[in-house]
Amino acid sequence: MRSYKGKDYFFKKMKKKPAQQEVIDNIDDYTVEQLENLRGSTFPKWVREALVRYKQRDGHTPEEMALKFANEMTKATLDNKE
């Protein structure tokens, strides 16, 4: 049975292997290309893709990003009414 929650949610909640946690802790030191080229059983394709998305969203989940954009849009709307 598949979860209705996506891979990003699972990736955020799963227990990370030491090599994965080291990459996450130093994500700013990696380029997207370097993340895409990580190899080994510790970094299957779906984990590499999750790391790229993690870097591109500064560690936020899609839900957190949606809330952030909604708050920014609300603030901009309120600022324009003043």
PDB file of N, CA and C in Angstrom:
ATOM      1  N   MET A   1       0.848  -1.176   0.000  1.00  0.00           N
ATOM      2  CA  MET A   1       0.000   0.000   0.000  1.00  0.00           C
ATOM      3  C   MET A   1       0.892   1.237   0.000  1.00  0.00           C
ATOM      4  N   ARG A   2       0.581   2.167  -0.848  1.00  0.00           N
ATOM      5  CA  ARG A   2       1.351   3.398  -0.935  1.00  0.00           C
ATOM      6  C   ARG A   2       0.766   4.449  -0.006  1.00  0.00           C
ATOM      7  N   SER A   3       1.636   5.250   0.518  1.00  0.00           N
ATOM      8  CA  SER A   3       1.198   6.343   1.373  1.00  0.00           C
ATOM      9  C   SER A   3       0.718   7.494   0.495  1.00  0.00           C
ATOM     10  N   TYR A   4      -0.217   8.258   0.991  1.00  0.00           N
ATOM     11  CA  TYR A   4      -0.650   9.443   0.268  1.00  0.00           C
ATOM     12  C   TYR A   4       0.394  10.552   0.390  1.00  0.00           C
ATOM     13  N   LYS A   5       1.328  10.376   1.325  1.00  0.00           N
ATOM     14  CA  LYS A   5       2.389  11.362   1.489  1.00  0.00           C
ATOM     15  C   LYS A   5       3.516  11.034   0.528  1.00  0.00           C
ATOM     16  N   GLY A   6       4.166  12.044   0.019  1.00  0.00           N
ATOM     17  CA  GLY A   6       5.190  11.848  -0.990  1.00  0.00           C
ATOM     18  C   GLY A   6       6.536  11.419  -0.436  1.00  0.00           C
ATOM     19  N   LYS A   7       7.456  11.206  -1.359  1.00  0.00           N
ATOM     20  CA  LYS A   7       8.808  10.785  -1.003  1.00  0.00           C
ATOM     21  C   LYS A   7       9.516  11.848  -0.159  1.00  0.00           C
ATOM     22  N   ASP A   8       9.205  13.114  -0.396  1.00  0.00           N
ATOM     23  CA  ASP A   8       9.838  14.181   0.383  1.00  0.00           C
ATOM     24  C   ASP A   8       9.511  14.044   1.864  1.00  0.00           C
ATOM     25  N   TYR A   9       8.257  13.703   2.164  1.00  0.00           N
ATOM     26  CA  TYR A   9       7.847  13.528   3.561  1.00  0.00           C
ATOM     27  C   TYR A   9       8.589  12.341   4.171  1.00  0.00           C
ATOM     28  N   PHE A  10       8.632  11.243   3.427  1.00  0.00           N
ATOM     29  CA  PHE A  10       9.325  10.062   3.920  1.00  0.00           C
ATOM     30  C   PHE A  10      10.808  10.358   4.125  1.00  0.00           C
ATOM     31  N   PHE A  11      11.408  11.058   3.175  1.00  0.00           N
ATOM     32  CA  PHE A  11      12.825  11.380   3.272  1.00  0.00           C
ATOM     33  C   PHE A  11      13.104  12.226   4.506  1.00  0.00           C
ATOM     34  N   LYS A  12      12.233  13.176   4.795  1.00  0.00           N
ATOM     35  CA  LYS A  12      12.439  14.047   5.952  1.00  0.00           C
ATOM     36  C   LYS A  12      12.312  13.267   7.265  1.00  0.00           C
ATOM     37  N   LYS A  13      11.404  12.281   7.317  1.00  0.00           N
ATOM     38  CA  LYS A  13      11.136  11.552   8.545  1.00  0.00           C
ATOM     39  C   LYS A  13      12.008  10.314   8.735  1.00  0.00           C
ATOM     40  N   MET A  14      12.592   9.787   7.661  1.00  0.00           N
ATOM     41  CA  MET A  14      13.329   8.520   7.778  1.00  0.00           C
ATOM     42  C   MET A  14      14.616   8.686   8.580  1.00  0.00           C
ATOM     43  N   LYS A  15      15.058   7.588   9.158  1.00  0.00           N
ATOM     44  CA  LYS A  15      16.329   7.583   9.877  1.00  0.00           C
ATOM     45  C   LYS A  15      17.449   7.583   8.835  1.00  0.00           C
ATOM     46  N   LYS A  16      18.266   8.598   8.862  1.00  0.00           N
ATOM     47  CA  LYS A  16      19.318   8.748   7.854  1.00  0.00           C
ATOM     48  C   LYS A  16      20.546   7.909   8.212  1.00  0.00           C
ATOM     49  N   LYS A  17      21.162   7.370   7.178  1.00  0.00           N
ATOM     50  CA  LYS A  17      22.445   6.705   7.358  1.00  0.00           C
ATOM     51  C   LYS A  17      23.490   7.797   7.574  1.00  0.00           C
ATOM     52  N   PRO A  18      24.608   7.483   8.238  1.00  0.00           N
ATOM     53  CA  PRO A  18      25.617   8.517   8.522  1.00  0.00           C
ATOM     54  C   PRO A  18      26.081   9.285   7.282  1.00  0.00           C
ATOM     55  N   ALA A  19      26.269   8.606   6.170  1.00  0.00           N
ATOM     56  CA  ALA A  19      26.712   9.294   4.948  1.00  0.00           C
ATOM     57  C   ALA A  19      25.645  10.259   4.445  1.00  0.00           C
ATOM     58  N   GLN A  20      24.379   9.866   4.539  1.00  0.00           N
ATOM     59  CA  GLN A  20      23.292  10.745   4.121  1.00  0.00           C
ATOM     60  C   GLN A  20      23.201  11.955   5.031  1.00  0.00           C
ATOM     61  N   GLN A  21      23.310  11.741   6.334  1.00  0.00           N
ATOM     62  CA  GLN A  21      23.216  12.842   7.284  1.00  0.00           C
ATOM     63  C   GLN A  21      24.363  13.820   7.104  1.00  0.00           C
ATOM     64  N   GLU A  22      25.535  13.301   6.772  1.00  0.00           N
ATOM     65  CA  GLU A  22      26.686  14.180   6.538  1.00  0.00           C
ATOM     66  C   GLU A  22      26.436  15.091   5.344  1.00  0.00           C
ATOM     67  N   VAL A  23      25.835  14.557   4.290  1.00  0.00           N
ATOM     68  CA  VAL A  23      25.512  15.376   3.116  1.00  0.00           C
ATOM     69  C   VAL A  23      24.480  16.434   3.495  1.00  0.00           C
ATOM     70  N   ILE A  24      23.456  16.042   4.234  1.00  0.00           N
ATOM     71  CA  ILE A  24      22.412  16.992   4.642  1.00  0.00           C
ATOM     72  C   ILE A  24      23.004  18.096   5.515  1.00  0.00           C
ATOM     73  N   ASP A  25      23.865  17.714   6.452  1.00  0.00           N
ATOM     74  CA  ASP A  25      24.476  18.696   7.346  1.00  0.00           C
ATOM     75  C   ASP A  25      25.362  19.682   6.598  1.00  0.00           C
ATOM     76  N   ASN A  26      25.899  19.270   5.463  1.00  0.00           N
ATOM     77  CA  ASN A  26      26.799  20.119   4.676  1.00  0.00           C
ATOM     78  C   ASN A  26      26.240  20.412   3.295  1.00  0.00           C
ATOM     79  N   ILE A  27      24.923  20.489   3.180  1.00  0.00           N
ATOM     80  CA  ILE A  27      24.256  20.620   1.883  1.00  0.00           C
ATOM     81  C   ILE A  27      24.723  21.852   1.120  1.00  0.00           C
ATOM     82  N   ASP A  28      25.090  22.916   1.816  1.00  0.00           N
ATOM     83  CA  ASP A  28      25.531  24.138   1.137  1.00  0.00           C
ATOM     84  C   ASP A  28      26.876  23.954   0.438  1.00  0.00           C
ATOM     85  N   ASP A  29      27.626  22.938   0.843  1.00  0.00           N
ATOM     86  CA  ASP A  29      28.930  22.684   0.231  1.00  0.00           C
ATOM     87  C   ASP A  29      28.827  21.888  -1.068  1.00  0.00           C
ATOM     88  N   TYR A  30      27.621  21.412  -1.396  1.00  0.00           N
ATOM     89  CA  TYR A  30      27.410  20.593  -2.584  1.00  0.00           C
ATOM     90  C   TYR A  30      26.677  21.387  -3.655  1.00  0.00           C
ATOM     91  N   THR A  31      27.035  21.127  -4.903  1.00  0.00           N
ATOM     92  CA  THR A  31      26.265  21.666  -6.017  1.00  0.00           C
ATOM     93  C   THR A  31      25.183  20.646  -6.358  1.00  0.00           C
ATOM     94  N   VAL A  32      24.193  21.065  -7.124  1.00  0.00           N
ATOM     95  CA  VAL A  32      23.145  20.148  -7.558  1.00  0.00           C
ATOM     96  C   VAL A  32      23.762  19.002  -8.357  1.00  0.00           C
ATOM     97  N   GLU A  33      24.722  19.326  -9.197  1.00  0.00           N
ATOM     98  CA  GLU A  33      25.379  18.293 -10.010  1.00  0.00           C
ATOM     99  C   GLU A  33      26.086  17.263  -9.122  1.00  0.00           C
ATOM    100  N   GLN A  34      26.748  17.713  -8.079  1.00  0.00           N
ATOM    101  CA  GLN A  34      27.415  16.780  -7.168  1.00  0.00           C
ATOM    102  C   GLN A  34      26.396  15.872  -6.471  1.00  0.00           C
ATOM    103  N   LEU A  35      25.265  16.434  -6.073  1.00  0.00           N
ATOM    104  CA  LEU A  35      24.236  15.630  -5.424  1.00  0.00           C
ATOM    105  C   LEU A  35      23.680  14.585  -6.393  1.00  0.00           C
ATOM    106  N   GLU A  36      23.485  14.977  -7.639  1.00  0.00           N
ATOM    107  CA  GLU A  36      22.963  14.046  -8.638  1.00  0.00           C
ATOM    108  C   GLU A  36      23.940  12.918  -8.932  1.00  0.00           C
ATOM    109  N   ASN A  37      25.221  13.151  -8.691  1.00  0.00           N
ATOM    110  CA  ASN A  37      26.246  12.162  -9.015  1.00  0.00           C
ATOM    111  C   ASN A  37      26.719  11.340  -7.823  1.00  0.00           C
ATOM    112  N   LEU A  38      26.073  11.479  -6.665  1.00  0.00           N
ATOM    113  CA  LEU A  38      26.417  10.631  -5.519  1.00  0.00           C
ATOM    114  C   LEU A  38      26.120   9.189  -5.881  1.00  0.00           C
ATOM    115  N   ARG A  39      26.971   8.290  -5.476  1.00  0.00           N
ATOM    116  CA  ARG A  39      26.793   6.879  -5.829  1.00  0.00           C
ATOM    117  C   ARG A  39      26.879   5.987  -4.607  1.00  0.00           C
ATOM    118  N   GLY A  40      26.492   4.753  -4.786  1.00  0.00           N
ATOM    119  CA  GLY A  40      26.552   3.756  -3.725  1.00  0.00           C
ATOM    120  C   GLY A  40      25.166   3.382  -3.260  1.00  0.00           C
ATOM    121  N   SER A  41      25.100   2.306  -2.504  1.00  0.00           N
ATOM    122  CA  SER A  41      23.801   1.823  -2.026  1.00  0.00           C
ATOM    123  C   SER A  41      23.155   2.787  -1.032  1.00  0.00           C
ATOM    124  N   THR A  42      23.952   3.674  -0.456  1.00  0.00           N
ATOM    125  CA  THR A  42      23.426   4.672   0.480  1.00  0.00           C
ATOM    126  C   THR A  42      22.642   5.757  -0.245  1.00  0.00           C
ATOM    127  N   PHE A  43      22.915   5.935  -1.545  1.00  0.00           N
ATOM    128  CA  PHE A  43      22.298   7.017  -2.310  1.00  0.00           C
ATOM    129  C   PHE A  43      21.582   6.488  -3.550  1.00  0.00           C
ATOM    130  N   PRO A  44      20.468   5.748  -3.358  1.00  0.00           N
ATOM    131  CA  PRO A  44      19.701   5.340  -4.535  1.00  0.00           C
ATOM    132  C   PRO A  44      19.136   6.587  -5.228  1.00  0.00           C
ATOM    133  N   LYS A  45      18.637   6.395  -6.424  1.00  0.00           N
ATOM    134  CA  LYS A  45      18.170   7.525  -7.231  1.00  0.00           C
ATOM    135  C   LYS A  45      17.155   8.400  -6.494  1.00  0.00           C
ATOM    136  N   TRP A  46      16.196   7.779  -5.796  1.00  0.00           N
ATOM    137  CA  TRP A  46      15.161   8.585  -5.150  1.00  0.00           C
ATOM    138  C   TRP A  46      15.746   9.432  -4.018  1.00  0.00           C
ATOM    139  N   VAL A  47      16.802   8.950  -3.345  1.00  0.00           N
ATOM    140  CA  VAL A  47      17.452   9.733  -2.289  1.00  0.00           C
ATOM    141  C   VAL A  47      18.215  10.896  -2.913  1.00  0.00           C
ATOM    142  N   ARG A  48      18.906  10.650  -4.012  1.00  0.00           N
ATOM    143  CA  ARG A  48      19.620  11.746  -4.700  1.00  0.00           C
ATOM    144  C   ARG A  48      18.641  12.823  -5.146  1.00  0.00           C
ATOM    145  N   GLU A  49      17.502  12.400  -5.683  1.00  0.00           N
ATOM    146  CA  GLU A  49      16.478  13.371  -6.110  1.00  0.00           C
ATOM    147  C   GLU A  49      15.931  14.148  -4.918  1.00  0.00           C
ATOM    148  N   ALA A  50      15.734  13.471  -3.797  1.00  0.00           N
ATOM    149  CA  ALA A  50      15.243  14.142  -2.586  1.00  0.00           C
ATOM    150  C   ALA A  50      16.272  15.144  -2.072  1.00  0.00           C
ATOM    151  N   LEU A  51      17.550  14.799  -2.146  1.00  0.00           N
ATOM    152  CA  LEU A  51      18.604  15.727  -1.716  1.00  0.00           C
ATOM    153  C   LEU A  51      18.633  16.971  -2.597  1.00  0.00           C
ATOM    154  N   VAL A  52      18.439  16.793  -3.901  1.00  0.00           N
ATOM    155  CA  VAL A  52      18.411  17.945  -4.815  1.00  0.00           C
ATOM    156  C   VAL A  52      17.238  18.849  -4.472  1.00  0.00           C
ATOM    157  N   ARG A  53      16.057  18.251  -4.273  1.00  0.00           N
ATOM    158  CA  ARG A  53      14.884  19.067  -3.905  1.00  0.00           C
ATOM    159  C   ARG A  53      15.099  19.755  -2.564  1.00  0.00           C
ATOM    160  N   TYR A  54      15.701  19.038  -1.611  1.00  0.00           N
ATOM    161  CA  TYR A  54      16.005  19.596  -0.293  1.00  0.00           C
ATOM    162  C   TYR A  54      16.889  20.835  -0.430  1.00  0.00           C
ATOM    163  N   LYS A  55      17.918  20.734  -1.253  1.00  0.00           N
ATOM    164  CA  LYS A  55      18.830  21.870  -1.469  1.00  0.00           C
ATOM    165  C   LYS A  55      18.094  23.024  -2.143  1.00  0.00           C
ATOM    166  N   GLN A  56      17.301  22.724  -3.151  1.00  0.00           N
ATOM    167  CA  GLN A  56      16.608  23.775  -3.892  1.00  0.00           C
ATOM    168  C   GLN A  56      15.572  24.504  -3.043  1.00  0.00           C
ATOM    169  N   ARG A  57      15.024  23.827  -2.042  1.00  0.00           N
ATOM    170  CA  ARG A  57      14.024  24.447  -1.171  1.00  0.00           C
ATOM    171  C   ARG A  57      14.589  24.836   0.185  1.00  0.00           C
ATOM    172  N   ASP A  58      15.892  24.867   0.310  1.00  0.00           N
ATOM    173  CA  ASP A  58      16.542  25.242   1.573  1.00  0.00           C
ATOM    174  C   ASP A  58      16.044  24.412   2.753  1.00  0.00           C
ATOM    175  N   GLY A  59      15.796  23.134   2.511  1.00  0.00           N
ATOM    176  CA  GLY A  59      15.416  22.228   3.586  1.00  0.00           C
ATOM    177  C   GLY A  59      13.947  22.236   3.958  1.00  0.00           C
ATOM    178  N   HIS A  60      13.127  22.936   3.205  1.00  0.00           N
ATOM    179  CA  HIS A  60      11.698  23.005   3.523  1.00  0.00           C
ATOM    180  C   HIS A  60      10.916  21.949   2.753  1.00  0.00           C
ATOM    181  N   THR A  61       9.839  21.486   3.352  1.00  0.00           N
ATOM    182  CA  THR A  61       8.933  20.553   2.685  1.00  0.00           C
ATOM    183  C   THR A  61       8.048  21.342   1.724  1.00  0.00           C
ATOM    184  N   PRO A  62       7.379  20.652   0.787  1.00  0.00           N
ATOM    185  CA  PRO A  62       6.445  21.362  -0.096  1.00  0.00           C
ATOM    186  C   PRO A  62       5.358  22.099   0.688  1.00  0.00           C
ATOM    187  N   GLU A  63       4.898  21.496   1.782  1.00  0.00           N
ATOM    188  CA  GLU A  63       3.857  22.137   2.591  1.00  0.00           C
ATOM    189  C   GLU A  63       4.373  23.423   3.233  1.00  0.00           C
ATOM    190  N   GLU A  64       5.601  23.383   3.732  1.00  0.00           N
ATOM    191  CA  GLU A  64       6.192  24.579   4.341  1.00  0.00           C
ATOM    192  C   GLU A  64       6.411  25.666   3.293  1.00  0.00           C
ATOM    193  N   MET A  65       6.814  25.267   2.094  1.00  0.00           N
ATOM    194  CA  MET A  65       7.011  26.243   1.019  1.00  0.00           C
ATOM    195  C   MET A  65       5.680  26.879   0.619  1.00  0.00           C
ATOM    196  N   ALA A  66       4.630  26.066   0.534  1.00  0.00           N
ATOM    197  CA  ALA A  66       3.308  26.599   0.184  1.00  0.00           C
ATOM    198  C   ALA A  66       2.825  27.594   1.234  1.00  0.00           C
ATOM    199  N   LEU A  67       3.015  27.263   2.498  1.00  0.00           N
ATOM    200  CA  LEU A  67       2.629  28.166   3.581  1.00  0.00           C
ATOM    201  C   LEU A  67       3.448  29.456   3.523  1.00  0.00           C
ATOM    202  N   LYS A  68       4.736  29.340   3.245  1.00  0.00           N
ATOM    203  CA  LYS A  68       5.601  30.517   3.141  1.00  0.00           C
ATOM    204  C   LYS A  68       5.114  31.444   2.024  1.00  0.00           C
ATOM    205  N   PHE A  69       4.824  30.869   0.843  1.00  0.00           N
ATOM    206  CA  PHE A  69       4.357  31.685  -0.281  1.00  0.00           C
ATOM    207  C   PHE A  69       2.996  32.304   0.012  1.00  0.00           C
ATOM    208  N   ALA A  70       2.119  31.556   0.666  1.00  0.00           N
ATOM    209  CA  ALA A  70       0.800  32.084   1.016  1.00  0.00           C
ATOM    210  C   ALA A  70       0.936  33.267   1.974  1.00  0.00           C
ATOM    211  N   ASN A  71       1.817  33.139   2.956  1.00  0.00           N
ATOM    212  CA  ASN A  71       2.036  34.243   3.901  1.00  0.00           C
ATOM    213  C   ASN A  71       2.623  35.462   3.204  1.00  0.00           C
ATOM    214  N   GLU A  72       3.555  35.237   2.276  1.00  0.00           N
ATOM    215  CA  GLU A  72       4.149  36.355   1.543  1.00  0.00           C
ATOM    216  C   GLU A  72       3.112  37.054   0.669  1.00  0.00           C
ATOM    217  N   MET A  73       2.243  36.269   0.034  1.00  0.00           N
ATOM    218  CA  MET A  73       1.207  36.858  -0.813  1.00  0.00           C
ATOM    219  C   MET A  73       0.213  37.647   0.030  1.00  0.00           C
ATOM    220  N   THR A  74      -0.157  37.110   1.192  1.00  0.00           N
ATOM    221  CA  THR A  74      -1.078  37.814   2.083  1.00  0.00           C
ATOM    222  C   THR A  74      -0.471  39.124   2.558  1.00  0.00           C
ATOM    223  N   LYS A  75       0.796  39.073   2.942  1.00  0.00           N
ATOM    224  CA  LYS A  75       1.477  40.288   3.398  1.00  0.00           C
ATOM    225  C   LYS A  75       1.543  41.322   2.284  1.00  0.00           C
ATOM    226  N   ALA A  76       1.867  40.884   1.067  1.00  0.00           N
ATOM    227  CA  ALA A  76       1.959  41.811  -0.062  1.00  0.00           C
ATOM    228  C   ALA A  76       0.599  42.444  -0.351  1.00  0.00           C
ATOM    229  N   THR A  77      -0.455  41.656  -0.251  1.00  0.00           N
ATOM    230  CA  THR A  77      -1.797  42.177  -0.475  1.00  0.00           C
ATOM    231  C   THR A  77      -2.157  43.210   0.570  1.00  0.00           C
ATOM    232  N   LEU A  78      -1.854  42.938   1.823  1.00  0.00           N
ATOM    233  CA  LEU A  78      -2.151  43.872   2.906  1.00  0.00           C
ATOM    234  C   LEU A  78      -1.316  45.147   2.777  1.00  0.00           C
ATOM    235  N   ASP A  79      -0.059  44.993   2.372  1.00  0.00           N
ATOM    236  CA  ASP A  79       0.811  46.159   2.206  1.00  0.00           C
ATOM    237  C   ASP A  79       0.308  47.060   1.086  1.00  0.00           C
ATOM    238  N   ASN A  80      -0.268  46.472   0.031  1.00  0.00           N
ATOM    239  CA  ASN A  80      -0.760  47.262  -1.099  1.00  0.00           C
ATOM    240  C   ASN A  80      -2.039  47.998  -0.763  1.00  0.00           C
ATOM    241  N   LYS A  81      -2.785  47.533   0.221  1.00  0.00           N
ATOM    242  CA  LYS A  81      -4.043  48.199   0.605  1.00  0.00           C
ATOM    243  C   LYS A  81      -3.797  49.427   1.448  1.00  0.00           C
ATOM    244  N   GLU A  82      -2.613  49.520   2.046  1.00  0.00           N
ATOM    245  CA  GLU A  82      -2.327  50.654   2.933  1.00  0.00           C
ATOM    246  C   GLU A  82      -1.988  51.887   2.199  1.00  0.00           C
TER     247      GLU A  82
END
